Each structure stands twice: as structure tokens, then as C-alpha cells.
Amino acid sequence: MSATPPPPGPPRSIATPCVKVCIVDGASGLCLGCWRTLSEIGGWSGLTDAERARIMAELPGREAAGSRQ
């Protein structure tokens, strides 16, 4: 059995909440630009679309909690 070759053309882009403002809050461990953890940022390209979507759905709540502090 052979593997299916990738479709021609450039690779599909990966959705990311990165805004290129990389400041990590020491207390929460969250980036104040995108509200992800360092672990999430470091492993982002290896996550499935579903895992990235779940994290992205959590980000507004993280931001709201962070702005209340």
C-alpha cells in the first residue's frame, strides 16, 4: 500500500491567534498578545485542527479573565 501524495501547490496555512506581541505574564503563564500558554505556542503546529479550534475558543475567556486582574 502506498501513501497518497500531497496535493500540488503551497501547504495549507495553519490558523493562529498570534498577533506578534509576545509578552508572557509571569503570574498566569499566558502570552498577553494571544492568550496561549508557552506549551500551546510551542506545540501549535503539531496540534490537530480540532485541538487548535478548542484552544482558540477558550482565548476570549482567558483574555476577559486576564483583563479583570
N, C-alpha and C. Protein backbone atom coordinates (compact mmCIF):
# COMPACT_ATOMS: atom_id res chain seq x y z
N MET A 1 0.84 -1.18 0.00
CA MET A 1 0.00 0.00 0.00
C MET A 1 0.89 1.24 0.00
N SER A 2 0.64 2.18 -0.89
CA SER A 2 1.47 3.38 -0.95
C SER A 2 0.71 4.57 -0.37
N ALA A 3 1.46 5.52 0.13
CA ALA A 3 0.87 6.74 0.71
C ALA A 3 0.38 7.64 -0.41
N THR A 4 -0.68 8.35 -0.15
CA THR A 4 -1.21 9.30 -1.11
C THR A 4 -0.31 10.53 -1.13
N PRO A 5 0.12 10.97 -2.29
CA PRO A 5 0.98 12.16 -2.34
C PRO A 5 0.18 13.40 -1.95
N PRO A 6 0.87 14.39 -1.38
CA PRO A 6 0.18 15.63 -1.00
C PRO A 6 -0.33 16.35 -2.25
N PRO A 7 -1.39 17.14 -2.09
CA PRO A 7 -1.90 17.87 -3.25
C PRO A 7 -0.86 18.88 -3.73
N PRO A 8 -0.88 19.21 -5.01
CA PRO A 8 0.09 20.18 -5.52
C PRO A 8 -0.20 21.58 -4.96
N GLY A 9 0.81 22.38 -4.97
CA GLY A 9 0.65 23.76 -4.51
C GLY A 9 1.23 23.97 -3.12
N PRO A 10 1.10 25.18 -2.60
CA PRO A 10 1.68 25.50 -1.29
C PRO A 10 0.93 24.77 -0.18
N PRO A 11 1.61 24.55 0.95
CA PRO A 11 0.94 23.88 2.06
C PRO A 11 -0.19 24.75 2.62
N ARG A 12 -1.16 24.08 3.20
CA ARG A 12 -2.30 24.78 3.79
C ARG A 12 -1.81 25.55 5.01
N SER A 13 -2.26 26.78 5.18
CA SER A 13 -1.83 27.57 6.32
C SER A 13 -2.54 27.09 7.58
N ILE A 14 -1.90 27.31 8.71
CA ILE A 14 -2.45 26.91 10.00
C ILE A 14 -3.00 28.15 10.68
N ALA A 15 -4.26 28.09 11.08
CA ALA A 15 -4.88 29.22 11.80
C ALA A 15 -4.14 29.43 13.11
N THR A 16 -3.87 30.67 13.44
CA THR A 16 -3.18 31.00 14.68
C THR A 16 -3.70 32.34 15.22
N PRO A 17 -3.79 32.45 16.54
CA PRO A 17 -4.21 33.72 17.13
C PRO A 17 -3.05 34.68 17.35
N CYS A 18 -1.86 34.31 16.92
CA CYS A 18 -0.67 35.14 17.16
C CYS A 18 -0.83 36.52 16.55
N VAL A 19 -0.52 37.55 17.37
CA VAL A 19 -0.56 38.93 16.89
C VAL A 19 0.84 39.55 16.94
N LYS A 20 1.85 38.68 17.14
CA LYS A 20 3.25 39.09 17.18
C LYS A 20 3.54 40.09 18.30
N VAL A 21 2.82 39.94 19.42
CA VAL A 21 3.08 40.69 20.65
C VAL A 21 3.35 39.62 21.70
N CYS A 22 4.61 39.26 21.86
CA CYS A 22 4.96 38.12 22.71
C CYS A 22 5.46 38.59 24.07
N ILE A 23 4.52 38.75 25.00
CA ILE A 23 4.83 39.14 26.37
C ILE A 23 4.13 38.14 27.27
N VAL A 24 4.90 37.35 28.02
CA VAL A 24 4.31 36.33 28.88
C VAL A 24 4.15 36.87 30.29
N ASP A 25 2.93 36.78 30.80
CA ASP A 25 2.62 37.19 32.16
C ASP A 25 3.14 36.13 33.11
N GLY A 26 3.99 36.52 34.05
CA GLY A 26 4.60 35.56 34.96
C GLY A 26 3.60 34.86 35.87
N ALA A 27 2.57 35.57 36.29
CA ALA A 27 1.60 35.00 37.22
C ALA A 27 0.71 33.96 36.55
N SER A 28 0.23 34.26 35.36
CA SER A 28 -0.70 33.35 34.69
C SER A 28 0.00 32.39 33.73
N GLY A 29 1.18 32.77 33.25
CA GLY A 29 1.88 31.96 32.26
C GLY A 29 1.31 32.10 30.86
N LEU A 30 0.46 33.10 30.65
CA LEU A 30 -0.17 33.31 29.35
C LEU A 30 0.51 34.44 28.59
N CYS A 31 0.58 34.29 27.28
CA CYS A 31 1.06 35.37 26.42
C CYS A 31 -0.02 36.45 26.40
N LEU A 32 0.36 37.69 26.65
CA LEU A 32 -0.62 38.79 26.67
C LEU A 32 -1.00 39.27 25.28
N GLY A 33 -0.38 38.71 24.25
CA GLY A 33 -0.76 39.03 22.88
C GLY A 33 -1.84 38.10 22.36
N CYS A 34 -1.65 36.79 22.60
CA CYS A 34 -2.59 35.81 22.04
C CYS A 34 -3.33 34.99 23.10
N TRP A 35 -2.90 35.08 24.36
CA TRP A 35 -3.55 34.41 25.50
C TRP A 35 -3.35 32.90 25.51
N ARG A 36 -2.31 32.41 24.81
CA ARG A 36 -1.98 30.99 24.87
C ARG A 36 -0.87 30.77 25.89
N THR A 37 -0.74 29.51 26.36
CA THR A 37 0.37 29.15 27.22
C THR A 37 1.61 28.93 26.35
N LEU A 38 2.78 28.92 26.99
CA LEU A 38 4.00 28.66 26.23
C LEU A 38 3.96 27.26 25.61
N SER A 39 3.39 26.31 26.33
CA SER A 39 3.27 24.95 25.80
C SER A 39 2.38 24.92 24.56
N GLU A 40 1.27 25.66 24.59
CA GLU A 40 0.38 25.72 23.43
C GLU A 40 1.07 26.38 22.25
N ILE A 41 1.80 27.45 22.52
CA ILE A 41 2.52 28.15 21.45
C ILE A 41 3.57 27.24 20.84
N GLY A 42 4.36 26.58 21.68
CA GLY A 42 5.44 25.72 21.20
C GLY A 42 4.95 24.52 20.41
N GLY A 43 3.80 23.98 20.77
CA GLY A 43 3.29 22.80 20.11
C GLY A 43 2.24 23.07 19.06
N TRP A 44 1.97 24.34 18.77
CA TRP A 44 0.85 24.73 17.91
C TRP A 44 0.83 24.01 16.56
N SER A 45 1.97 23.95 15.89
CA SER A 45 1.99 23.35 14.55
C SER A 45 1.75 21.84 14.59
N GLY A 46 1.96 21.21 15.74
CA GLY A 46 1.75 19.78 15.85
C GLY A 46 0.35 19.38 16.31
N LEU A 47 -0.48 20.37 16.65
CA LEU A 47 -1.84 20.09 17.10
C LEU A 47 -2.75 19.82 15.91
N THR A 48 -3.82 19.11 16.17
CA THR A 48 -4.82 18.89 15.12
C THR A 48 -5.66 20.15 14.96
N ASP A 49 -6.39 20.23 13.86
CA ASP A 49 -7.29 21.36 13.66
C ASP A 49 -8.29 21.46 14.81
N ALA A 50 -8.79 20.32 15.29
CA ALA A 50 -9.77 20.31 16.38
C ALA A 50 -9.15 20.82 17.68
N GLU A 51 -7.91 20.43 17.95
CA GLU A 51 -7.24 20.90 19.17
C GLU A 51 -7.00 22.41 19.11
N ARG A 52 -6.58 22.90 17.95
CA ARG A 52 -6.37 24.35 17.81
C ARG A 52 -7.69 25.09 17.94
N ALA A 53 -8.76 24.56 17.36
CA ALA A 53 -10.07 25.21 17.45
C ALA A 53 -10.55 25.26 18.89
N ARG A 54 -10.32 24.19 19.66
CA ARG A 54 -10.73 24.19 21.07
C ARG A 54 -9.99 25.26 21.85
N ILE A 55 -8.69 25.37 21.64
CA ILE A 55 -7.90 26.38 22.34
C ILE A 55 -8.35 27.77 21.92
N MET A 56 -8.55 27.99 20.61
CA MET A 56 -8.97 29.31 20.14
C MET A 56 -10.33 29.71 20.72
N ALA A 57 -11.20 28.73 20.95
CA ALA A 57 -12.50 29.02 21.55
C ALA A 57 -12.35 29.45 23.01
N GLU A 58 -11.30 29.02 23.67
CA GLU A 58 -11.05 29.37 25.07
C GLU A 58 -10.41 30.76 25.23
N LEU A 59 -9.79 31.28 24.19
CA LEU A 59 -9.00 32.50 24.30
C LEU A 59 -9.79 33.74 24.74
N PRO A 60 -11.02 33.97 24.25
CA PRO A 60 -11.75 35.13 24.72
C PRO A 60 -12.00 35.11 26.23
N GLY A 61 -12.26 33.96 26.79
CA GLY A 61 -12.46 33.84 28.23
C GLY A 61 -11.17 34.10 29.00
N ARG A 62 -10.07 33.61 28.47
CA ARG A 62 -8.77 33.87 29.10
C ARG A 62 -8.46 35.36 29.09
N GLU A 63 -8.73 35.99 27.95
CA GLU A 63 -8.47 37.43 27.85
C GLU A 63 -9.34 38.21 28.83
N ALA A 64 -10.63 37.86 28.90
CA ALA A 64 -11.54 38.55 29.82
C ALA A 64 -11.08 38.37 31.26
N ALA A 65 -10.67 37.17 31.63
CA ALA A 65 -10.19 36.92 32.98
C ALA A 65 -8.91 37.69 33.25
N GLY A 66 -8.03 37.77 32.25
CA GLY A 66 -6.77 38.49 32.41
C GLY A 66 -6.95 39.98 32.54
N SER A 67 -7.95 40.53 31.88
CA SER A 67 -8.17 41.99 31.95
C SER A 67 -8.86 42.40 33.25
N ARG A 68 -9.43 41.42 33.97
CA ARG A 68 -10.09 41.74 35.25
C ARG A 68 -9.09 41.78 36.39
N GLN A 69 -7.87 41.28 36.15
CA GLN A 69 -6.89 41.22 37.24
C GLN A 69 -6.24 42.55 37.48
